[in-house]
Each structure stands twice: as C-alpha cells, then as structure tokens.
Protein backbone atom coordinates (compact mmCIF):
# COMPACT_ATOMS: atom_id res chain seq x y z
CA MET A 1 0.00 0.00 0.00
CA GLY A 2 1.46 3.36 -1.04
CA VAL A 3 1.24 6.87 0.36
CA ARG A 4 -1.72 7.88 -1.81
CA GLU A 5 -3.73 4.80 -0.83
CA LEU A 6 -3.36 5.80 2.82
CA GLY A 7 -4.78 9.21 2.05
CA LEU A 8 -1.65 11.11 3.06
CA PRO A 9 -0.80 14.37 1.29
CA GLU A 10 1.57 13.96 -1.62
CA ARG A 11 3.90 16.60 -0.26
CA LEU A 12 4.38 17.42 3.41
CA GLY A 13 7.08 20.01 2.93
CA SER A 14 8.54 21.99 0.06
CA GLY A 15 11.51 23.84 1.49
CA GLU A 16 13.53 25.45 -1.28
CA SER A 17 16.70 23.86 0.08
CA LEU A 18 15.47 20.34 -0.67
CA PRO A 19 16.48 18.67 -3.94
CA SER A 20 13.75 17.91 -6.48
CA ARG A 21 15.08 14.41 -7.11
CA VAL A 22 17.25 11.93 -5.22
CA GLU A 23 19.19 8.98 -6.58
CA ILE A 24 18.86 5.92 -4.34
CA TRP A 25 22.05 3.85 -4.31
CA GLU A 26 20.77 0.41 -3.35
CA VAL A 27 23.36 -1.54 -1.34
CA GLY A 28 21.23 -4.43 -0.08
CA PRO A 29 22.55 -7.13 -2.43
CA ARG A 30 26.14 -6.38 -1.38
CA ASP A 31 26.30 -4.55 1.95
CA GLY A 32 23.09 -6.14 3.14
CA LEU A 33 23.85 -9.77 2.37
CA GLN A 34 27.56 -9.74 3.26
CA ASN A 35 26.66 -9.72 6.94
CA GLU A 36 24.33 -12.74 6.87
CA THR A 37 25.36 -15.66 9.04
CA GLU A 38 24.24 -18.14 6.37
CA VAL A 39 25.22 -17.94 2.71
CA VAL A 40 22.25 -16.93 0.56
CA PRO A 41 21.88 -19.11 -2.56
CA VAL A 42 23.02 -17.41 -5.74
CA GLU A 43 19.64 -17.92 -7.40
CA VAL A 44 17.98 -15.97 -4.59
CA LYS A 45 20.49 -13.15 -5.00
CA VAL A 46 19.86 -13.03 -8.75
CA GLU A 47 16.10 -12.84 -8.23
CA PHE A 48 16.58 -10.20 -5.52
CA LEU A 49 18.51 -8.00 -7.95
CA ASP A 50 15.95 -8.55 -10.69
CA ARG A 51 13.06 -7.67 -8.40
CA LEU A 52 14.84 -4.51 -7.24
CA ALA A 53 15.44 -3.47 -10.85
CA ARG A 54 11.79 -4.10 -11.71
CA ALA A 55 10.83 -1.92 -8.75
CA GLY A 56 12.58 1.00 -10.45
CA LEU A 57 15.92 1.14 -8.64
CA THR A 58 18.60 2.08 -11.16
CA THR A 59 21.78 1.65 -9.09
CA LEU A 60 22.15 -1.79 -7.54
CA GLU A 61 25.42 -2.60 -5.80
CA ALA A 62 25.53 -6.23 -6.82
CA THR A 63 28.41 -7.89 -4.99
CA SER A 64 32.02 -7.60 -3.89
CA PHE A 65 35.28 -9.06 -5.16
CA VAL A 66 36.72 -9.30 -1.67
CA HIS A 67 38.61 -12.54 -1.00
CA PRO A 68 36.12 -15.29 -0.01
CA LYS A 69 38.11 -15.92 3.16
CA TRP A 70 37.03 -12.51 4.49
CA VAL A 71 33.48 -12.34 3.12
CA PRO A 72 32.36 -15.92 2.32
CA GLN A 73 28.78 -14.74 1.78
CA LEU A 74 29.90 -13.10 -1.48
CA ALA A 75 32.21 -15.85 -2.74
CA ASP A 76 29.85 -16.42 -5.68
CA ALA A 77 30.49 -12.99 -7.24
CA GLU A 78 31.52 -14.30 -10.67
CA GLU A 79 28.63 -16.73 -10.85
CA LEU A 80 26.16 -14.07 -9.76
CA LEU A 81 27.26 -11.61 -12.43
CA ALA A 82 27.29 -14.33 -15.10
CA ARG A 83 23.71 -15.28 -14.28
CA LEU A 84 22.44 -11.73 -13.86
CA ASP A 85 20.12 -10.31 -16.51
CA ARG A 86 21.57 -6.80 -16.65
CA ARG A 87 18.81 -4.38 -17.54
CA ASP A 88 19.23 -1.31 -19.72
CA GLY A 89 19.41 1.84 -17.65
CA VAL A 90 20.49 -0.01 -14.49
CA ARG A 91 24.00 0.18 -13.05
CA TYR A 92 25.46 -2.80 -11.18
CA PRO A 93 28.55 -1.53 -9.32
CA VAL A 94 30.75 -3.91 -7.36
CA LEU A 95 33.18 -3.36 -4.52
CA VAL A 96 36.86 -4.06 -5.25
CA PRO A 97 39.43 -3.97 -2.42
CA ASN A 98 42.62 -4.28 -4.43
CA GLU A 99 44.07 -4.89 -7.89
CA ARG A 100 43.22 -8.59 -7.78
CA GLY A 101 39.61 -7.67 -7.12
CA LEU A 102 39.73 -5.24 -10.03
CA ASP A 103 41.09 -7.98 -12.31
CA ARG A 104 38.11 -10.13 -11.41
CA ALA A 105 35.69 -7.25 -11.96
CA LEU A 106 37.13 -6.47 -15.39
CA ALA A 107 36.93 -10.13 -16.39
CA ALA A 108 33.26 -10.15 -15.35
CA GLY A 109 32.46 -7.17 -17.59
CA VAL A 110 31.76 -4.72 -14.76
CA THR A 111 31.49 -1.03 -15.69
CA HIS A 112 31.23 0.56 -12.22
CA VAL A 113 33.39 -0.24 -9.20
CA ALA A 114 33.85 1.11 -5.69
CA VAL A 115 36.77 1.20 -3.27
CA PHE A 116 36.43 1.25 0.50
CA ALA A 117 38.62 3.50 2.67
CA SER A 118 38.66 4.30 6.36
CA ALA A 119 38.63 7.72 8.01
CA THR A 120 40.40 6.32 11.08
CA GLU A 121 43.69 4.57 11.78
CA THR A 122 42.25 1.78 13.93
CA PHE A 123 39.52 0.75 11.52
CA ALA A 124 41.97 0.86 8.62
CA ARG A 125 44.16 -1.62 10.49
CA ARG A 126 41.28 -3.87 11.51
CA ASN A 127 39.38 -3.82 8.22
CA LEU A 128 42.13 -3.28 5.65
CA ASN A 129 45.22 -4.54 7.47
CA SER A 130 46.78 -1.18 6.69
CA GLY A 131 47.25 2.26 8.24
CA LEU A 132 45.35 5.47 7.58
CA ASP A 133 47.93 6.73 5.08
CA ALA A 134 49.18 3.34 3.89
CA GLN A 135 45.69 2.33 2.72
CA PHE A 136 46.09 4.56 -0.32
CA ALA A 137 48.89 2.38 -1.61
CA MET A 138 46.15 -0.20 -2.25
CA PHE A 139 43.47 2.13 -3.61
CA GLU A 140 45.32 4.53 -5.84
CA PRO A 141 46.56 1.90 -8.35
CA VAL A 142 43.07 0.35 -8.41
CA ILE A 143 41.43 3.70 -9.14
CA ALA A 144 44.00 4.59 -11.80
CA ARG A 145 43.68 1.25 -13.61
CA ALA A 146 39.90 1.31 -13.40
CA ARG A 147 39.72 4.78 -14.88
CA GLU A 148 42.18 3.82 -17.63
CA SER A 149 39.85 0.91 -18.45
CA GLY A 150 36.88 3.28 -18.74
CA LEU A 151 35.23 2.33 -15.45
CA ASP A 152 33.51 4.73 -13.11
CA VAL A 153 34.89 4.59 -9.56
CA ARG A 154 33.10 5.46 -6.35
CA GLY A 155 34.90 5.93 -3.05
CA TYR A 156 33.46 4.84 0.28
CA VAL A 157 34.77 6.46 3.45
CA SER A 158 33.86 4.55 6.60
CA MET A 159 33.76 5.78 10.22
CA CYS A 160 33.05 9.37 9.15
CA PHE A 161 31.20 10.30 12.34
CA GLY A 162 32.53 7.99 15.01
CA ASP A 163 34.76 4.98 15.55
CA PRO A 164 34.19 2.33 18.26
CA TRP A 165 37.88 2.40 19.19
CA GLU A 166 38.79 6.06 18.63
CA GLY A 167 35.54 7.84 19.46
CA ALA A 168 34.46 10.98 17.63
CA VAL A 169 36.19 11.65 14.32
CA ALA A 170 37.25 15.17 13.36
CA PRO A 171 35.54 16.39 10.17
CA GLU A 172 38.91 17.61 8.88
CA GLN A 173 40.24 14.05 9.05
CA VAL A 174 37.29 12.76 7.03
CA VAL A 175 37.81 15.52 4.46
CA ALA A 176 41.50 14.69 4.12
CA VAL A 177 40.72 11.04 3.31
CA GLY A 178 37.83 11.92 1.03
CA LYS A 179 39.71 14.53 -0.97
CA ARG A 180 42.55 12.12 -1.54
CA LEU A 181 40.09 9.63 -3.06
CA LEU A 182 38.61 12.34 -5.28
CA ASP A 183 42.07 13.50 -6.33
CA ALA A 184 42.93 9.90 -7.22
CA GLY A 185 39.99 9.74 -9.63
CA CYS A 186 36.83 8.79 -7.72
CA SER A 187 33.74 10.42 -9.19
CA GLN A 188 31.77 10.34 -5.94
CA LEU A 189 32.31 9.87 -2.21
CA SER A 190 29.89 7.98 0.00
CA LEU A 191 30.28 9.16 3.60
CA GLY A 192 29.54 6.27 5.94
CA ASP A 193 28.15 6.41 9.46
CA THR A 194 29.39 2.87 9.93
CA ILE A 195 28.29 2.40 13.54
CA GLY A 196 25.25 4.67 13.38
CA VAL A 197 26.35 7.34 15.88
CA ALA A 198 25.81 10.42 13.71
CA THR A 199 23.27 13.11 14.52
CA ALA A 200 21.86 15.78 12.25
CA ALA A 201 24.32 18.31 13.66
CA SER A 202 27.37 16.11 13.04
CA VAL A 203 26.15 15.38 9.51
CA GLU A 204 25.93 19.09 8.83
CA ARG A 205 29.43 19.66 10.24
CA VAL A 206 31.02 17.02 8.02
CA LEU A 207 29.21 18.18 4.89
CA ASP A 208 30.10 21.81 5.64
CA ALA A 209 33.75 20.82 6.11
CA PHE A 210 33.76 19.26 2.64
CA THR A 211 32.14 22.20 0.89
CA GLU A 212 34.38 24.67 2.72
CA SER A 213 37.36 22.69 1.41
CA GLY A 214 36.14 23.16 -2.15
CA VAL A 215 34.37 19.81 -2.70
CA ALA A 216 31.07 20.15 -4.56
CA ILE A 217 28.05 18.85 -2.65
CA GLY A 218 27.08 16.94 -5.80
CA ASP A 219 30.18 14.79 -5.37
CA LEU A 220 28.97 13.54 -1.99
CA ALA A 221 26.57 10.76 -1.02
CA VAL A 222 25.56 9.61 2.46
CA HIS A 223 25.39 6.12 3.93
CA PHE A 224 23.64 5.88 7.30
CA HIS A 225 23.11 3.07 9.76
CA ASP A 226 20.20 3.15 12.19
CA THR A 227 21.87 1.98 15.41
CA TYR A 228 20.42 4.87 17.44
CA GLY A 229 17.35 5.47 15.28
CA GLN A 230 18.83 8.55 13.61
CA ALA A 231 19.20 7.43 10.00
CA LEU A 232 16.15 9.25 8.64
CA ALA A 233 16.84 12.42 10.62
CA ASN A 234 20.41 12.36 9.34
CA THR A 235 19.18 11.83 5.79
CA LEU A 236 16.92 14.85 6.04
CA ALA A 237 19.83 16.94 7.33
CA ALA A 238 21.92 15.83 4.34
CA LEU A 239 19.10 16.59 1.89
CA ARG A 240 18.79 20.08 3.31
CA LYS A 241 22.49 20.57 2.65
CA GLY A 242 21.96 19.63 -1.00
CA VAL A 243 22.99 15.96 -1.08
CA THR A 244 21.18 14.16 -3.90
CA THR A 245 22.49 10.57 -3.57
CA VAL A 246 21.51 8.45 -0.58
CA ASP A 247 22.63 4.88 0.07
CA SER A 248 20.07 2.47 1.48
CA SER A 249 19.38 -1.23 1.75
CA ALA A 250 16.11 -2.90 0.81
CA GLY A 251 14.45 -4.17 3.95
CA GLY A 252 17.12 -2.55 6.14
CA LEU A 253 19.49 -5.47 5.65
CA GLY A 254 23.13 -5.29 6.58
CA GLY A 255 25.68 -4.05 9.02
CA CYS A 256 29.44 -4.33 8.99
CA PRO A 257 31.29 -7.60 9.64
CA TYR A 258 34.26 -5.67 11.05
CA ALA A 259 32.31 -3.39 13.42
CA GLU A 260 30.16 -5.40 15.79
CA SER A 261 28.16 -2.37 16.98
CA ALA A 262 26.94 -1.61 13.45
CA THR A 263 23.29 -2.49 12.92
CA GLY A 264 21.38 -2.45 9.68
CA ASN A 265 21.54 0.14 6.97
CA LEU A 266 18.87 2.73 6.40
CA ALA A 267 15.97 0.77 4.88
CA THR A 268 15.16 1.73 1.31
CA GLU A 269 11.43 1.58 2.06
CA ASP A 270 11.82 3.97 4.98
CA LEU A 271 13.81 6.31 2.76
CA VAL A 272 11.20 6.19 -0.01
CA TRP A 273 8.44 6.91 2.52
CA LEU A 274 10.38 10.01 3.63
CA LEU A 275 11.03 11.15 0.07
CA ASP A 276 7.39 10.67 -0.90
CA GLY A 277 6.29 12.76 2.06
CA LEU A 278 8.67 15.53 1.02
CA GLY A 279 7.57 15.38 -2.61
CA ILE A 280 11.04 14.42 -3.80
CA GLU A 281 11.20 12.30 -6.95
CA HIS A 282 13.08 8.98 -6.85
CA GLY A 283 11.60 6.74 -9.56
CA VAL A 284 10.87 3.74 -7.32
CA ASP A 285 7.64 1.74 -7.31
CA PHE A 286 6.98 1.77 -3.58
CA ASP A 287 4.58 -1.20 -3.51
CA ALA A 288 6.90 -3.38 -5.61
CA LEU A 289 9.79 -2.48 -3.33
CA VAL A 290 7.90 -3.43 -0.17
CA GLU A 291 6.82 -6.69 -1.80
CA THR A 292 10.44 -7.44 -2.73
CA SER A 293 11.73 -6.88 0.80
CA ALA A 294 8.93 -8.94 2.30
CA TRP A 295 9.83 -11.73 -0.15
CA MET A 296 13.50 -11.49 0.83
CA ALA A 297 12.62 -11.62 4.52
CA THR A 298 10.90 -14.96 3.98
CA ARG A 299 14.00 -16.26 2.21
CA LEU A 300 16.15 -15.20 5.18
CA GLY A 301 13.67 -16.68 7.65
CA ARG A 302 13.10 -13.59 9.78
CA PRO A 303 11.02 -10.38 9.79
CA SER A 304 12.34 -7.40 7.85
CA PRO A 305 14.10 -4.77 10.01
CA SER A 306 12.37 -2.03 7.97
CA ARG A 307 9.61 -0.32 9.92
CA VAL A 308 7.71 0.41 6.72
CA VAL A 309 7.87 -3.19 5.54
CA ARG A 310 6.70 -4.45 8.93
CA ALA A 311 3.84 -1.95 8.93
CA LEU A 312 2.60 -2.73 5.43
CA ALA A 313 3.51 -6.37 4.88
CA GLY A 314 2.48 -7.65 8.28
C-alpha cells in the first residue's frame, strides 16, 4: 500500500533547500547480504537483484570481489554476475578492495566499481590490514587502472562520524581522506556512518567541512546506519544541505562484519516513505519495493528490520 492509498498528502514540505530528485544507491545485495550468518543461494540473490530493478531502482550494488576468506557470503560474485540479466538503464557496481579484485571485476564485464577507505587509523588496520595513510597504496593503483579501463569509480569512506575504538572523528580528518580519493579519480564519495552514531548536527558539520574545502556537494553521497534510530533524521539533514544521492538497503538489511556495533543500513522503504512525504522524486515503485523486501525476509527466515515493511507487509 502506497502513500496515496493511505490518504496522506503527496507533499508534506517543500523547502527550497530540498532537492527535487534523489538517486537511491541500493546496497542491499552487497552490503546487506555480506553480513548474513548463512550464505544466501546465488539464485535468490539473482532474483533479488531482478526484483529490485523491476521496482525501479537504477543503481544496484551487486556484490564484492573481496577474498572469499574474508566475506564468504559473497564468494559467488563471478557466478552471480554471469547469471544476472543486466537491464538497460540499471548500473550494477561492485566493490573491489585491491588490484586482484579489479582484475576479477574487469573479467566479469563490470562497468562501475567502488573502493572502501577508512577515516580512522584503527579501523583501517582492523578492516584493511593497513594504516590510515598506507591504505592509499592499495586504492590509488586500483582507481587509476579502473579509470584507464573506462570504469567509473566510487569511493566509500567509513567511520566518518565515530569509531568504536577512537571515538568521535574530526571532520577535517574525514575531508583529508575523502579529498585524496577524489584527487585519485573517484567520481563520488559515499560518507559512511558505519556504527550509526551520527546526529543531524554532526552530519551538517562534516558536509560543511567538505564544501568549505572546495568539494562540490554533488560529489557527496551519504550512507547511514540506524543503530540509534537517527538514520532518517540524518538523511533529512543531508538533503537540506543539498545531497542528492543516498545509500540504502532494501528491507534494512546489513551491518558491517568488522564493526560489531553496526546495525542495519537505512531501509530503502523507509527512505522512499520520507522522500514521498517531502515530494522528492526517486523513480521507485513503492509497492513493488515493499513486496520485494517482504519476499527477501521470507528467504532469510526472519522479519524485515524495515519499519515500513513491517507496517505494510504484516
């Protein structure tokens, strides 16, 4: 059941600072499923991606070419991409951690890749087995080779608002990491609240720090987790600052296998509900999306974490 069927107004607010359209960067098939305790069958993943595409989502982060030892849930990356019916007008980016991952992505015919950096020293060592500065020795050759091969490259920056070992993270430190990724050739940065500790005020501070450093707001995306129930409030704060790309996960799936305090991502359904209420275009068939996440919840054998899915799908 959609917003109109419930009799809600089509637009609850029309502040001039809000964008007219938002791109939803769907991370459920990758970031959502990588944290599952049981490996999801590849045929289920393929159908999940197809259902999401049919629901109108045009950016679907399909999988990761991380070594299977570290993320066994995504060990079927090549098979998944080989079986996937790639639809016209839909992008299927994949995460690549190093040059070996890029080799695999190129062999699979991928056109969009992403690299994953840390804004803090401790998380870089725990997640990447590298230091804050040394991590770029891995990423910069990957970005350069990908760009030379005609691929678009996105840069993720994790722990942008807080780190479970280091505490609060200075916005200037996040900007330094992010600008280095942009300078290396990334077309967009996704700023991650990996453990879900951000508030609207801290989101504004980080975004302001980027724009004050000369980074265009259009080069920034946001990636929120809902650990403290702030993901939607943080999204609204980012929208009011001019951000037009928001990461989310269908059904609220996901977390981070290297940060135990990280709960699920912002649910795509909850995001769409917010955008509909604000009158912001997004191109997603809300009912088809809810149906897809309810279907996926049955495959995983548990209720969806999304509040909207639970409210509408029972």
